[in-house]
Amino acid sequence: MSNIIEDFYYGNLEPQEINSELTPKLKKELSNLTDKEEQLTARLNGEDKELFQNYVSAYVEFSTTSNADSFISGFRLGAKFTYETFVER
């Protein structure tokens, strides 16, 4: 039996791949977001189009960092629950 901590350390466990299936709600929201982005991009020209594409890139970067922070906070909270459950009595 493998050790989950060891697997995580060696990169054999990718948390973002555990639930890679999008729920129907997320699929619908992603489709809506993609449609709106395509519609807006089609209407823009020149500098406005470039500005919007830069905005999208900046938002993706922000979202990625925010998701990582949320994952770390959740992991820490789970560790605290575990610690208090099994160690601190």
N, C-alpha and C. Protein backbone atom coordinates (compact mmCIF):
# COMPACT_ATOMS: atom_id res chain seq x y z
N MET A 1 0.84 -1.18 0.00
CA MET A 1 0.00 0.00 0.00
C MET A 1 0.89 1.24 0.00
N SER A 2 0.55 2.21 -0.84
CA SER A 2 1.37 3.41 -0.93
C SER A 2 1.02 4.39 0.18
N ASN A 3 1.98 5.23 0.48
CA ASN A 3 1.83 6.25 1.49
C ASN A 3 1.41 7.54 0.79
N ILE A 4 0.27 8.11 1.14
CA ILE A 4 -0.26 9.28 0.44
C ILE A 4 0.67 10.47 0.58
N ILE A 5 1.32 10.63 1.73
CA ILE A 5 2.23 11.75 1.93
C ILE A 5 3.46 11.59 1.03
N GLU A 6 3.97 10.37 0.94
CA GLU A 6 5.12 10.10 0.08
C GLU A 6 4.74 10.30 -1.39
N ASP A 7 3.57 9.82 -1.78
CA ASP A 7 3.10 10.03 -3.15
C ASP A 7 2.98 11.52 -3.47
N PHE A 8 2.46 12.28 -2.53
CA PHE A 8 2.31 13.72 -2.71
C PHE A 8 3.67 14.39 -2.85
N TYR A 9 4.62 14.00 -1.99
CA TYR A 9 5.96 14.57 -2.03
C TYR A 9 6.64 14.32 -3.37
N TYR A 10 6.55 13.10 -3.87
CA TYR A 10 7.23 12.74 -5.11
C TYR A 10 6.44 13.15 -6.37
N GLY A 11 5.34 13.82 -6.17
CA GLY A 11 4.58 14.32 -7.32
C GLY A 11 3.70 13.27 -7.98
N ASN A 12 3.45 12.17 -7.31
CA ASN A 12 2.59 11.12 -7.85
C ASN A 12 1.12 11.39 -7.59
N LEU A 13 0.84 12.40 -6.82
CA LEU A 13 -0.53 12.76 -6.47
C LEU A 13 -0.76 14.20 -6.91
N GLU A 14 -1.68 14.41 -7.79
CA GLU A 14 -2.00 15.74 -8.28
C GLU A 14 -3.41 16.09 -7.80
N PRO A 15 -3.52 16.92 -6.75
CA PRO A 15 -4.84 17.23 -6.20
C PRO A 15 -5.83 17.77 -7.23
N GLN A 16 -5.35 18.56 -8.19
CA GLN A 16 -6.26 19.12 -9.17
C GLN A 16 -6.77 18.08 -10.14
N GLU A 17 -6.15 16.91 -10.20
CA GLU A 17 -6.60 15.85 -11.11
C GLU A 17 -7.58 14.89 -10.43
N ILE A 18 -7.71 14.98 -9.13
CA ILE A 18 -8.58 14.07 -8.40
C ILE A 18 -10.03 14.22 -8.86
N ASN A 19 -10.48 15.45 -9.02
CA ASN A 19 -11.85 15.71 -9.44
C ASN A 19 -11.81 16.53 -10.72
N SER A 20 -11.32 15.93 -11.79
CA SER A 20 -11.15 16.68 -13.03
C SER A 20 -12.44 16.77 -13.84
N GLU A 21 -13.46 16.03 -13.47
CA GLU A 21 -14.75 16.11 -14.15
C GLU A 21 -15.49 17.36 -13.70
N LEU A 22 -15.92 18.15 -14.65
CA LEU A 22 -16.71 19.33 -14.30
C LEU A 22 -18.15 18.90 -14.05
N THR A 23 -18.73 19.47 -13.04
CA THR A 23 -20.14 19.21 -12.76
C THR A 23 -20.97 19.85 -13.86
N PRO A 24 -22.20 19.41 -14.05
CA PRO A 24 -23.05 20.03 -15.07
C PRO A 24 -23.19 21.54 -14.87
N LYS A 25 -23.28 21.99 -13.62
CA LYS A 25 -23.39 23.42 -13.34
C LYS A 25 -22.13 24.15 -13.79
N LEU A 26 -20.95 23.60 -13.47
CA LEU A 26 -19.70 24.24 -13.87
C LEU A 26 -19.54 24.23 -15.40
N LYS A 27 -19.95 23.14 -16.05
CA LYS A 27 -19.89 23.09 -17.51
C LYS A 27 -20.74 24.20 -18.12
N LYS A 28 -21.93 24.40 -17.57
CA LYS A 28 -22.83 25.43 -18.07
C LYS A 28 -22.23 26.82 -17.86
N GLU A 29 -21.67 27.06 -16.67
CA GLU A 29 -21.07 28.35 -16.37
C GLU A 29 -19.83 28.61 -17.24
N LEU A 30 -19.02 27.59 -17.47
CA LEU A 30 -17.85 27.73 -18.33
C LEU A 30 -18.26 28.02 -19.77
N SER A 31 -19.28 27.34 -20.24
CA SER A 31 -19.78 27.58 -21.59
C SER A 31 -20.29 29.01 -21.73
N ASN A 32 -21.01 29.48 -20.74
CA ASN A 32 -21.52 30.85 -20.75
C ASN A 32 -20.36 31.84 -20.76
N LEU A 33 -19.36 31.61 -19.93
CA LEU A 33 -18.20 32.48 -19.87
C LEU A 33 -17.46 32.52 -21.21
N THR A 34 -17.27 31.36 -21.80
CA THR A 34 -16.58 31.26 -23.09
C THR A 34 -17.36 31.98 -24.18
N ASP A 35 -18.67 31.78 -24.19
CA ASP A 35 -19.52 32.46 -25.18
C ASP A 35 -19.40 33.98 -25.06
N LYS A 36 -19.47 34.49 -23.84
CA LYS A 36 -19.40 35.94 -23.63
C LYS A 36 -18.03 36.47 -24.03
N GLU A 37 -16.98 35.74 -23.72
CA GLU A 37 -15.64 36.17 -24.12
C GLU A 37 -15.52 36.23 -25.64
N GLU A 38 -16.02 35.22 -26.32
CA GLU A 38 -15.97 35.20 -27.79
C GLU A 38 -16.78 36.35 -28.39
N GLN A 39 -17.96 36.61 -27.84
CA GLN A 39 -18.80 37.70 -28.34
C GLN A 39 -18.10 39.06 -28.17
N LEU A 40 -17.54 39.26 -26.99
CA LEU A 40 -16.87 40.53 -26.73
C LEU A 40 -15.62 40.68 -27.59
N THR A 41 -14.83 39.63 -27.70
CA THR A 41 -13.62 39.68 -28.53
C THR A 41 -13.96 40.00 -29.98
N ALA A 42 -15.05 39.44 -30.48
CA ALA A 42 -15.46 39.68 -31.87
C ALA A 42 -15.85 41.15 -32.10
N ARG A 43 -16.35 41.82 -31.07
CA ARG A 43 -16.78 43.21 -31.21
C ARG A 43 -15.64 44.21 -31.09
N LEU A 44 -14.55 43.78 -30.49
CA LEU A 44 -13.45 44.72 -30.22
C LEU A 44 -12.43 44.71 -31.35
N ASN A 45 -11.74 45.83 -31.48
CA ASN A 45 -10.70 45.96 -32.49
C ASN A 45 -9.47 46.63 -31.87
N GLY A 46 -8.33 46.39 -32.48
CA GLY A 46 -7.10 47.11 -32.15
C GLY A 46 -6.73 47.07 -30.69
N GLU A 47 -6.51 48.27 -30.13
CA GLU A 47 -6.04 48.40 -28.75
C GLU A 47 -7.07 47.89 -27.75
N ASP A 48 -8.35 48.08 -28.04
CA ASP A 48 -9.40 47.59 -27.13
C ASP A 48 -9.37 46.06 -27.04
N LYS A 49 -9.18 45.42 -28.17
CA LYS A 49 -9.12 43.96 -28.19
C LYS A 49 -7.90 43.48 -27.41
N GLU A 50 -6.76 44.12 -27.63
CA GLU A 50 -5.53 43.75 -26.92
C GLU A 50 -5.68 43.98 -25.41
N LEU A 51 -6.30 45.09 -25.04
CA LEU A 51 -6.53 45.39 -23.63
C LEU A 51 -7.41 44.32 -22.99
N PHE A 52 -8.47 43.93 -23.69
CA PHE A 52 -9.36 42.90 -23.17
C PHE A 52 -8.62 41.56 -23.02
N GLN A 53 -7.83 41.20 -24.01
CA GLN A 53 -7.07 39.94 -23.93
C GLN A 53 -6.07 39.99 -22.77
N ASN A 54 -5.47 41.15 -22.54
CA ASN A 54 -4.57 41.30 -21.39
C ASN A 54 -5.34 41.18 -20.07
N TYR A 55 -6.56 41.73 -20.06
CA TYR A 55 -7.42 41.61 -18.88
C TYR A 55 -7.74 40.14 -18.60
N VAL A 56 -8.10 39.39 -19.64
CA VAL A 56 -8.42 37.97 -19.48
C VAL A 56 -7.21 37.22 -18.93
N SER A 57 -6.04 37.49 -19.47
CA SER A 57 -4.82 36.83 -18.99
C SER A 57 -4.54 37.17 -17.53
N ALA A 58 -4.71 38.45 -17.17
CA ALA A 58 -4.49 38.86 -15.78
C ALA A 58 -5.50 38.19 -14.85
N TYR A 59 -6.75 38.07 -15.31
CA TYR A 59 -7.77 37.43 -14.49
C TYR A 59 -7.47 35.95 -14.28
N VAL A 60 -7.01 35.27 -15.33
CA VAL A 60 -6.65 33.86 -15.21
C VAL A 60 -5.51 33.69 -14.21
N GLU A 61 -4.53 34.57 -14.27
CA GLU A 61 -3.41 34.50 -13.33
C GLU A 61 -3.89 34.74 -11.90
N PHE A 62 -4.74 35.75 -11.72
CA PHE A 62 -5.30 36.01 -10.39
C PHE A 62 -6.09 34.81 -9.89
N SER A 63 -6.92 34.26 -10.74
CA SER A 63 -7.76 33.12 -10.37
C SER A 63 -6.92 31.92 -9.97
N THR A 64 -5.85 31.67 -10.71
CA THR A 64 -4.96 30.55 -10.41
C THR A 64 -4.33 30.74 -9.03
N THR A 65 -3.84 31.94 -8.75
CA THR A 65 -3.22 32.22 -7.46
C THR A 65 -4.25 32.13 -6.34
N SER A 66 -5.44 32.65 -6.58
CA SER A 66 -6.50 32.59 -5.58
C SER A 66 -6.91 31.15 -5.28
N ASN A 67 -7.01 30.33 -6.32
CA ASN A 67 -7.35 28.91 -6.12
C ASN A 67 -6.28 28.20 -5.32
N ALA A 68 -5.01 28.50 -5.59
CA ALA A 68 -3.92 27.89 -4.82
C ALA A 68 -4.01 28.30 -3.35
N ASP A 69 -4.28 29.59 -3.10
CA ASP A 69 -4.42 30.06 -1.72
C ASP A 69 -5.58 29.36 -1.01
N SER A 70 -6.69 29.18 -1.71
CA SER A 70 -7.84 28.49 -1.13
C SER A 70 -7.51 27.03 -0.82
N PHE A 71 -6.79 26.38 -1.71
CA PHE A 71 -6.38 24.99 -1.49
C PHE A 71 -5.51 24.90 -0.25
N ILE A 72 -4.54 25.80 -0.14
CA ILE A 72 -3.62 25.78 1.00
C ILE A 72 -4.39 26.03 2.30
N SER A 73 -5.29 27.00 2.29
CA SER A 73 -6.09 27.29 3.50
C SER A 73 -6.94 26.09 3.89
N GLY A 74 -7.57 25.46 2.91
CA GLY A 74 -8.38 24.28 3.18
C GLY A 74 -7.56 23.12 3.71
N PHE A 75 -6.38 22.94 3.15
CA PHE A 75 -5.49 21.87 3.60
C PHE A 75 -5.08 22.11 5.05
N ARG A 76 -4.73 23.35 5.37
CA ARG A 76 -4.34 23.69 6.74
C ARG A 76 -5.49 23.49 7.71
N LEU A 77 -6.69 23.89 7.31
CA LEU A 77 -7.85 23.71 8.17
C LEU A 77 -8.10 22.22 8.41
N GLY A 78 -7.99 21.41 7.36
CA GLY A 78 -8.15 19.97 7.52
C GLY A 78 -7.11 19.38 8.45
N ALA A 79 -5.88 19.87 8.36
CA ALA A 79 -4.82 19.39 9.26
C ALA A 79 -5.12 19.77 10.71
N LYS A 80 -5.66 20.97 10.92
CA LYS A 80 -6.02 21.38 12.28
C LYS A 80 -7.13 20.49 12.84
N PHE A 81 -8.13 20.18 12.03
CA PHE A 81 -9.19 19.28 12.47
C PHE A 81 -8.61 17.92 12.85
N THR A 82 -7.74 17.41 12.01
CA THR A 82 -7.13 16.12 12.26
C THR A 82 -6.31 16.16 13.55
N TYR A 83 -5.52 17.20 13.71
CA TYR A 83 -4.69 17.33 14.90
C TYR A 83 -5.55 17.36 16.16
N GLU A 84 -6.59 18.19 16.15
CA GLU A 84 -7.44 18.30 17.33
C GLU A 84 -8.22 17.01 17.58
N THR A 85 -8.54 16.30 16.53
CA THR A 85 -9.29 15.05 16.68
C THR A 85 -8.44 13.95 17.30
N PHE A 86 -7.20 13.83 16.84
CA PHE A 86 -6.39 12.68 17.24
C PHE A 86 -5.29 12.97 18.23
N VAL A 87 -4.86 14.23 18.36
CA VAL A 87 -3.71 14.53 19.22
C VAL A 87 -4.11 15.32 20.44
N GLU A 88 -4.78 16.43 20.23
CA GLU A 88 -5.10 17.33 21.31
C GLU A 88 -6.38 16.90 22.00
N ARG A 89 -6.24 16.43 23.21
CA ARG A 89 -7.42 15.99 23.96
C ARG A 89 -7.42 16.56 25.34
